[in-house]
């Protein structure tokens, strides 16, 4: 495991999920390009 580097605004999340929230794959499949994905990817679940 690599150490967190605050100078790069890295975050060490305490929980990892083995299955993504359904909104995440839906946004990935619906996005025609990266700019659209950044606008529509959920920021909160």
PDB file of N, CA and C in Angstrom:
ATOM      1  N   UNK A   1       0.836  -1.172   0.000  1.00  0.00           N
ATOM      2  CA  UNK A   1       0.000   0.000   0.000  1.00  0.00           C
ATOM      3  C   UNK A   1       0.884   1.239   0.000  1.00  0.00           C
ATOM      4  N   UNK A   2       0.563   2.171  -0.863  1.00  0.00           N
ATOM      5  CA  UNK A   2       1.334   3.412  -0.947  1.00  0.00           C
ATOM      6  C   UNK A   2       0.841   4.405   0.095  1.00  0.00           C
ATOM      7  N   UNK A   3       1.737   5.198   0.638  1.00  0.00           N
ATOM      8  CA  UNK A   3       1.304   6.212   1.607  1.00  0.00           C
ATOM      9  C   UNK A   3       0.529   7.334   0.917  1.00  0.00           C
ATOM     10  N   UNK A   4      -0.367   7.934   1.663  1.00  0.00           N
ATOM     11  CA  UNK A   4      -1.155   9.064   1.165  1.00  0.00           C
ATOM     12  C   UNK A   4      -0.241  10.266   0.995  1.00  0.00           C
ATOM     13  N   UNK A   5      -0.428  11.032  -0.090  1.00  0.00           N
ATOM     14  CA  UNK A   5       0.371  12.223  -0.359  1.00  0.00           C
ATOM     15  C   UNK A   5      -0.539  13.451  -0.337  1.00  0.00           C
ATOM     16  N   UNK A   6      -0.618  14.136   0.799  1.00  0.00           N
ATOM     17  CA  UNK A   6      -1.516  15.291   0.915  1.00  0.00           C
ATOM     18  C   UNK A   6      -1.213  16.398  -0.090  1.00  0.00           C
ATOM     19  N   UNK A   7       0.026  16.540  -0.509  1.00  0.00           N
ATOM     20  CA  UNK A   7       0.369  17.601  -1.460  1.00  0.00           C
ATOM     21  C   UNK A   7      -0.322  17.396  -2.812  1.00  0.00           C
ATOM     22  N   UNK A   8      -0.811  16.176  -3.062  1.00  0.00           N
ATOM     23  CA  UNK A   8      -1.552  15.878  -4.286  1.00  0.00           C
ATOM     24  C   UNK A   8      -3.048  15.723  -4.016  1.00  0.00           C
ATOM     25  N   UNK A   9      -3.488  16.134  -2.845  1.00  0.00           N
ATOM     26  CA  UNK A   9      -4.903  16.048  -2.429  1.00  0.00           C
ATOM     27  C   UNK A   9      -5.420  14.618  -2.454  1.00  0.00           C
ATOM     28  N   UNK A  10      -4.552  13.654  -2.189  1.00  0.00           N
ATOM     29  CA  UNK A  10      -4.972  12.261  -2.147  1.00  0.00           C
ATOM     30  C   UNK A  10      -5.732  11.984  -0.852  1.00  0.00           C
ATOM     31  N   UNK A  11      -6.692  11.076  -0.950  1.00  0.00           N
ATOM     32  CA  UNK A  11      -7.522  10.713   0.192  1.00  0.00           C
ATOM     33  C   UNK A  11      -7.441   9.208   0.379  1.00  0.00           C
ATOM     34  N   UNK A  12      -7.349   8.769   1.602  1.00  0.00           N
ATOM     35  CA  UNK A  12      -7.356   7.342   1.915  1.00  0.00           C
ATOM     36  C   UNK A  12      -8.732   7.002   2.473  1.00  0.00           C
ATOM     37  N   UNK A  13      -9.577   6.410   1.631  1.00  0.00           N
ATOM     38  CA  UNK A  13     -10.925   6.073   2.059  1.00  0.00           C
ATOM     39  C   UNK A  13     -10.892   4.806   2.909  1.00  0.00           C
ATOM     40  N   UNK A  14     -11.598   4.799   4.036  1.00  0.00           N
ATOM     41  CA  UNK A  14     -11.531   3.662   4.949  1.00  0.00           C
ATOM     42  C   UNK A  14     -12.312   2.438   4.477  1.00  0.00           C
ATOM     43  N   UNK A  15     -13.198   2.598   3.493  1.00  0.00           N
ATOM     44  CA  UNK A  15     -14.047   1.492   3.054  1.00  0.00           C
ATOM     45  C   UNK A  15     -13.939   1.333   1.540  1.00  0.00           C
ATOM     46  N   UNK A  16     -13.802   0.104   1.087  1.00  0.00           N
ATOM     47  CA  UNK A  16     -13.827  -0.212  -0.340  1.00  0.00           C
ATOM     48  C   UNK A  16     -15.014  -1.132  -0.594  1.00  0.00           C
ATOM     49  N   UNK A  17     -15.698  -0.924  -1.696  1.00  0.00           N
ATOM     50  CA  UNK A  17     -16.873  -1.721  -2.023  1.00  0.00           C
ATOM     51  C   UNK A  17     -16.552  -2.655  -3.183  1.00  0.00           C
ATOM     52  N   UNK A  18     -17.025  -3.893  -3.094  1.00  0.00           N
ATOM     53  CA  UNK A  18     -16.744  -4.847  -4.166  1.00  0.00           C
ATOM     54  C   UNK A  18     -17.705  -4.689  -5.347  1.00  0.00           C
ATOM     55  N   UNK A  19     -18.828  -4.019  -5.136  1.00  0.00           N
ATOM     56  CA  UNK A  19     -19.803  -3.777  -6.197  1.00  0.00           C
ATOM     57  C   UNK A  19     -20.095  -2.279  -6.235  1.00  0.00           C
ATOM     58  N   UNK A  20     -20.001  -1.651  -7.403  1.00  0.00           N
ATOM     59  CA  UNK A  20     -20.259  -0.210  -7.467  1.00  0.00           C
ATOM     60  C   UNK A  20     -21.741   0.108  -7.291  1.00  0.00           C
ATOM     61  N   UNK A  21     -22.007   1.313  -6.837  1.00  0.00           N
ATOM     62  CA  UNK A  21     -23.383   1.796  -6.761  1.00  0.00           C
ATOM     63  C   UNK A  21     -23.930   1.819  -8.188  1.00  0.00           C
ATOM     64  N   UNK A  22     -25.194   1.454  -8.404  1.00  0.00           N
ATOM     65  CA  UNK A  22     -25.743   1.384  -9.767  1.00  0.00           C
ATOM     66  C   UNK A  22     -25.637   2.687 -10.566  1.00  0.00           C
ATOM     67  N   UNK A  23     -25.598   3.830  -9.883  1.00  0.00           N
ATOM     68  CA  UNK A  23     -25.500   5.103 -10.599  1.00  0.00           C
ATOM     69  C   UNK A  23     -24.156   5.262 -11.311  1.00  0.00           C
ATOM     70  N   UNK A  24     -23.111   4.640 -10.779  1.00  0.00           N
ATOM     71  CA  UNK A  24     -21.777   4.816 -11.361  1.00  0.00           C
ATOM     72  C   UNK A  24     -21.659   4.118 -12.714  1.00  0.00           C
ATOM     73  N   UNK A  25     -21.945   2.813 -12.816  1.00  0.00           N
ATOM     74  CA  UNK A  25     -21.863   2.195 -14.146  1.00  0.00           C
ATOM     75  C   UNK A  25     -22.849   2.811 -15.140  1.00  0.00           C
ATOM     76  N   UNK A  26     -24.008   3.246 -14.657  1.00  0.00           N
ATOM     77  CA  UNK A  26     -24.980   3.876 -15.560  1.00  0.00           C
ATOM     78  C   UNK A  26     -24.401   5.155 -16.157  1.00  0.00           C
ATOM     79  N   UNK A  27     -23.744   5.958 -15.333  1.00  0.00           N
ATOM     80  CA  UNK A  27     -23.125   7.194 -15.836  1.00  0.00           C
ATOM     81  C   UNK A  27     -21.997   6.874 -16.809  1.00  0.00           C
ATOM     82  N   UNK A  28     -21.206   5.845 -16.506  1.00  0.00           N
ATOM     83  CA  UNK A  28     -20.106   5.465 -17.397  1.00  0.00           C
ATOM     84  C   UNK A  28     -20.626   4.993 -18.753  1.00  0.00           C
ATOM     85  N   UNK A  29     -21.703   4.213 -18.751  1.00  0.00           N
ATOM     86  CA  UNK A  29     -22.258   3.697 -20.005  1.00  0.00           C
ATOM     87  C   UNK A  29     -22.931   4.792 -20.829  1.00  0.00           C
ATOM     88  N   UNK A  30     -23.520   5.772 -20.154  1.00  0.00           N
ATOM     89  CA  UNK A  30     -24.277   6.808 -20.858  1.00  0.00           C
ATOM     90  C   UNK A  30     -23.404   7.930 -21.406  1.00  0.00           C
ATOM     91  N   UNK A  31     -22.200   8.070 -20.907  1.00  0.00           N
ATOM     92  CA  UNK A  31     -21.351   9.200 -21.299  1.00  0.00           C
ATOM     93  C   UNK A  31     -20.724   8.967 -22.674  1.00  0.00           C
ATOM     94  N   UNK A  32     -20.965   9.861 -23.617  1.00  0.00           N
ATOM     95  CA  UNK A  32     -20.349   9.713 -24.934  1.00  0.00           C
ATOM     96  C   UNK A  32     -18.872  10.114 -24.947  1.00  0.00           C
ATOM     97  N   UNK A  33     -18.463  10.924 -23.960  1.00  0.00           N
ATOM     98  CA  UNK A  33     -17.069  11.348 -23.883  1.00  0.00           C
ATOM     99  C   UNK A  33     -16.740  11.758 -22.444  1.00  0.00           C
ATOM    100  N   UNK A  34     -15.465  12.025 -22.195  1.00  0.00           N
ATOM    101  CA  UNK A  34     -15.016  12.337 -20.842  1.00  0.00           C
ATOM    102  C   UNK A  34     -15.605  13.639 -20.291  1.00  0.00           C
ATOM    103  N   UNK A  35     -15.666  14.724 -21.074  1.00  0.00           N
ATOM    104  CA  UNK A  35     -16.275  15.943 -20.528  1.00  0.00           C
ATOM    105  C   UNK A  35     -17.717  15.722 -20.052  1.00  0.00           C
ATOM    106  N   UNK A  36     -18.474  14.936 -20.830  1.00  0.00           N
ATOM    107  CA  UNK A  36     -19.850  14.636 -20.415  1.00  0.00           C
ATOM    108  C   UNK A  36     -19.834  13.822 -19.124  1.00  0.00           C
ATOM    109  N   UNK A  37     -18.927  12.865 -19.031  1.00  0.00           N
ATOM    110  CA  UNK A  37     -18.832  12.042 -17.824  1.00  0.00           C
ATOM    111  C   UNK A  37     -18.538  12.901 -16.604  1.00  0.00           C
ATOM    112  N   UNK A  38     -17.596  13.832 -16.718  1.00  0.00           N
ATOM    113  CA  UNK A  38     -17.268  14.691 -15.572  1.00  0.00           C
ATOM    114  C   UNK A  38     -18.467  15.521 -15.138  1.00  0.00           C
ATOM    115  N   UNK A  39     -19.330  15.885 -16.082  1.00  0.00           N
ATOM    116  CA  UNK A  39     -20.519  16.678 -15.730  1.00  0.00           C
ATOM    117  C   UNK A  39     -21.608  15.830 -15.093  1.00  0.00           C
ATOM    118  N   UNK A  40     -21.656  14.528 -15.410  1.00  0.00           N
ATOM    119  CA  UNK A  40     -22.782  13.698 -14.979  1.00  0.00           C
ATOM    120  C   UNK A  40     -22.432  12.619 -13.962  1.00  0.00           C
ATOM    121  N   UNK A  41     -21.157  12.362 -13.727  1.00  0.00           N
ATOM    122  CA  UNK A  41     -20.783  11.339 -12.746  1.00  0.00           C
ATOM    123  C   UNK A  41     -21.244  11.781 -11.365  1.00  0.00           C
ATOM    124  N   UNK A  42     -21.914  10.914 -10.615  1.00  0.00           N
ATOM    125  CA  UNK A  42     -22.408  11.304  -9.297  1.00  0.00           C
ATOM    126  C   UNK A  42     -21.266  11.707  -8.364  1.00  0.00           C
ATOM    127  N   UNK A  43     -21.480  12.771  -7.617  1.00  0.00           N
ATOM    128  CA  UNK A  43     -20.493  13.200  -6.619  1.00  0.00           C
ATOM    129  C   UNK A  43     -20.862  12.689  -5.239  1.00  0.00           C
ATOM    130  N   UNK A  44     -22.127  12.335  -5.062  1.00  0.00           N
ATOM    131  CA  UNK A  44     -22.599  11.756  -3.799  1.00  0.00           C
ATOM    132  C   UNK A  44     -23.498  10.578  -4.130  1.00  0.00           C
ATOM    133  N   UNK A  45     -23.461   9.587  -3.260  1.00  0.00           N
ATOM    134  CA  UNK A  45     -24.311   8.407  -3.469  1.00  0.00           C
ATOM    135  C   UNK A  45     -25.280   8.264  -2.323  1.00  0.00           C
TER     136      UNK A  45
END
